[in-house]
Amino acid sequence: LLNVLPDKQQEENKCRKVYVLIKSLAVIGAGLGIGNIAASAAEGTARQPEATSDIRTTMIIAAALIEGVALFGEVICVLLALK
């Protein structure tokens, strides 16, 4: 294969691909984590209906923390990609 791009541009393209991959993994991980929390909360509510409000509150706080971590990961990847 012929190298049409200079080495520096090829390296930058590889780095951007890695950043996109890392950002994708952060989003997928956050989605899986929040889905797991929701499933556990639904199961807990089914087992103990009187604790629904406490379970819901805990679930929302945990989901917000997971979203915050995912957002930080995305911001870091964007900052590194624009560097």
C-alpha atoms as a PDB file:
ATOM      1  CA  LEU A   1       0.000   0.000   0.000  1.00  0.00           C
ATOM      2  CA  LEU A   2       1.101   3.487  -0.749  1.00  0.00           C
ATOM      3  CA  ASN A   3       1.387   5.988   2.047  1.00  0.00           C
ATOM      4  CA  VAL A   4      -0.344   9.085   0.717  1.00  0.00           C
ATOM      5  CA  LEU A   5      -0.449  10.942   4.009  1.00  0.00           C
ATOM      6  CA  PRO A   6       2.665  12.109   5.795  1.00  0.00           C
ATOM      7  CA  ASP A   7       3.606  10.200   8.932  1.00  0.00           C
ATOM      8  CA  LYS A   8       2.350  12.934  11.246  1.00  0.00           C
ATOM      9  CA  GLN A   9      -1.119  12.944   9.673  1.00  0.00           C
ATOM     10  CA  GLN A  10      -1.302   9.164   9.782  1.00  0.00           C
ATOM     11  CA  GLU A  11      -0.412   9.244  13.471  1.00  0.00           C
ATOM     12  CA  GLU A  12      -3.053  11.904  14.151  1.00  0.00           C
ATOM     13  CA  ASN A  13      -5.681   9.824  12.353  1.00  0.00           C
ATOM     14  CA  LYS A  14      -4.757   6.772  14.435  1.00  0.00           C
ATOM     15  CA  CYS A  15      -5.005   8.818  17.631  1.00  0.00           C
ATOM     16  CA  ARG A  16      -8.433  10.143  16.665  1.00  0.00           C
ATOM     17  CA  LYS A  17      -9.635   6.601  15.988  1.00  0.00           C
ATOM     18  CA  VAL A  18      -8.420   5.544  19.425  1.00  0.00           C
ATOM     19  CA  TYR A  19     -10.184   8.503  21.044  1.00  0.00           C
ATOM     20  CA  VAL A  20     -13.420   7.627  19.255  1.00  0.00           C
ATOM     21  CA  LEU A  21     -13.080   4.028  20.430  1.00  0.00           C
ATOM     22  CA  ILE A  22     -12.497   5.108  24.028  1.00  0.00           C
ATOM     23  CA  LYS A  23     -15.442   7.509  23.892  1.00  0.00           C
ATOM     24  CA  SER A  24     -17.645   4.762  22.498  1.00  0.00           C
ATOM     25  CA  LEU A  25     -16.624   2.408  25.294  1.00  0.00           C
ATOM     26  CA  ALA A  26     -17.449   5.077  27.882  1.00  0.00           C
ATOM     27  CA  VAL A  27     -20.933   5.517  26.443  1.00  0.00           C
ATOM     28  CA  ILE A  28     -21.540   1.770  26.173  1.00  0.00           C
ATOM     29  CA  GLY A  29     -20.300   1.228  29.734  1.00  0.00           C
ATOM     30  CA  ALA A  30     -22.557   3.954  31.066  1.00  0.00           C
ATOM     31  CA  GLY A  31     -25.537   2.486  29.232  1.00  0.00           C
ATOM     32  CA  LEU A  32     -24.866  -0.981  30.587  1.00  0.00           C
ATOM     33  CA  GLY A  33     -24.365   0.358  34.104  1.00  0.00           C
ATOM     34  CA  ILE A  34     -27.584   2.347  34.105  1.00  0.00           C
ATOM     35  CA  GLY A  35     -29.458  -0.604  32.623  1.00  0.00           C
ATOM     36  CA  ASN A  36     -28.125  -2.836  35.394  1.00  0.00           C
ATOM     37  CA  ILE A  37     -29.197  -0.301  38.032  1.00  0.00           C
ATOM     38  CA  ALA A  38     -32.692  -0.055  36.542  1.00  0.00           C
ATOM     39  CA  ALA A  39     -33.054  -3.833  36.446  1.00  0.00           C
ATOM     40  CA  SER A  40     -31.951  -4.134  40.061  1.00  0.00           C
ATOM     41  CA  ALA A  41     -34.285  -1.336  41.125  1.00  0.00           C
ATOM     42  CA  ALA A  42     -37.224  -2.992  39.375  1.00  0.00           C
ATOM     43  CA  GLU A  43     -36.412  -6.282  41.075  1.00  0.00           C
ATOM     44  CA  GLY A  44     -36.083  -4.575  44.451  1.00  0.00           C
ATOM     45  CA  THR A  45     -39.389  -2.791  43.992  1.00  0.00           C
ATOM     46  CA  ALA A  46     -41.070  -6.066  43.069  1.00  0.00           C
ATOM     47  CA  ARG A  47     -39.711  -7.729  46.196  1.00  0.00           C
ATOM     48  CA  GLN A  48     -40.426  -4.827  48.550  1.00  0.00           C
ATOM     49  CA  PRO A  49     -43.091  -2.457  47.195  1.00  0.00           C
ATOM     50  CA  GLU A  50     -43.088  -0.324  50.352  1.00  0.00           C
ATOM     51  CA  ALA A  51     -39.478   0.715  49.702  1.00  0.00           C
ATOM     52  CA  THR A  52     -40.188   2.059  46.203  1.00  0.00           C
ATOM     53  CA  SER A  53     -39.386   5.699  46.951  1.00  0.00           C
ATOM     54  CA  ASP A  54     -36.070   4.881  48.640  1.00  0.00           C
ATOM     55  CA  ILE A  55     -35.078   2.543  45.809  1.00  0.00           C
ATOM     56  CA  ARG A  56     -36.018   5.125  43.178  1.00  0.00           C
ATOM     57  CA  THR A  57     -34.003   7.852  44.908  1.00  0.00           C
ATOM     58  CA  THR A  58     -30.941   5.644  45.196  1.00  0.00           C
ATOM     59  CA  MET A  59     -31.300   4.576  41.569  1.00  0.00           C
ATOM     60  CA  ILE A  60     -31.482   8.164  40.300  1.00  0.00           C
ATOM     61  CA  ILE A  61     -28.423   9.207  42.313  1.00  0.00           C
ATOM     62  CA  ALA A  62     -26.401   6.224  41.075  1.00  0.00           C
ATOM     63  CA  ALA A  63     -27.457   6.830  37.464  1.00  0.00           C
ATOM     64  CA  ALA A  64     -26.452  10.488  37.721  1.00  0.00           C
ATOM     65  CA  LEU A  65     -23.023   9.533  39.059  1.00  0.00           C
ATOM     66  CA  ILE A  66     -22.508   7.059  36.219  1.00  0.00           C
ATOM     67  CA  GLU A  67     -23.546   9.666  33.655  1.00  0.00           C
ATOM     68  CA  GLY A  68     -21.116  12.135  35.219  1.00  0.00           C
ATOM     69  CA  VAL A  69     -18.209   9.731  34.890  1.00  0.00           C
ATOM     70  CA  ALA A  70     -19.149   8.973  31.281  1.00  0.00           C
ATOM     71  CA  LEU A  71     -19.366  12.679  30.513  1.00  0.00           C
ATOM     72  CA  PHE A  72     -15.918  13.284  31.997  1.00  0.00           C
ATOM     73  CA  GLY A  73     -14.545  10.475  29.828  1.00  0.00           C
ATOM     74  CA  GLU A  74     -16.078  11.993  26.708  1.00  0.00           C
ATOM     75  CA  VAL A  75     -14.801  15.480  27.509  1.00  0.00           C
ATOM     76  CA  ILE A  76     -11.286  14.175  28.090  1.00  0.00           C
ATOM     77  CA  CYS A  77     -11.359  12.299  24.774  1.00  0.00           C
ATOM     78  CA  VAL A  78     -12.573  15.382  22.911  1.00  0.00           C
ATOM     79  CA  LEU A  79      -9.899  17.552  24.512  1.00  0.00           C
ATOM     80  CA  LEU A  80      -7.199  15.045  23.612  1.00  0.00           C
ATOM     81  CA  ALA A  81      -8.504  14.731  20.049  1.00  0.00           C
ATOM     82  CA  LEU A  82      -8.448  18.513  19.553  1.00  0.00           C
ATOM     83  CA  LYS A  83      -4.979  18.854  21.038  1.00  0.00           C
END
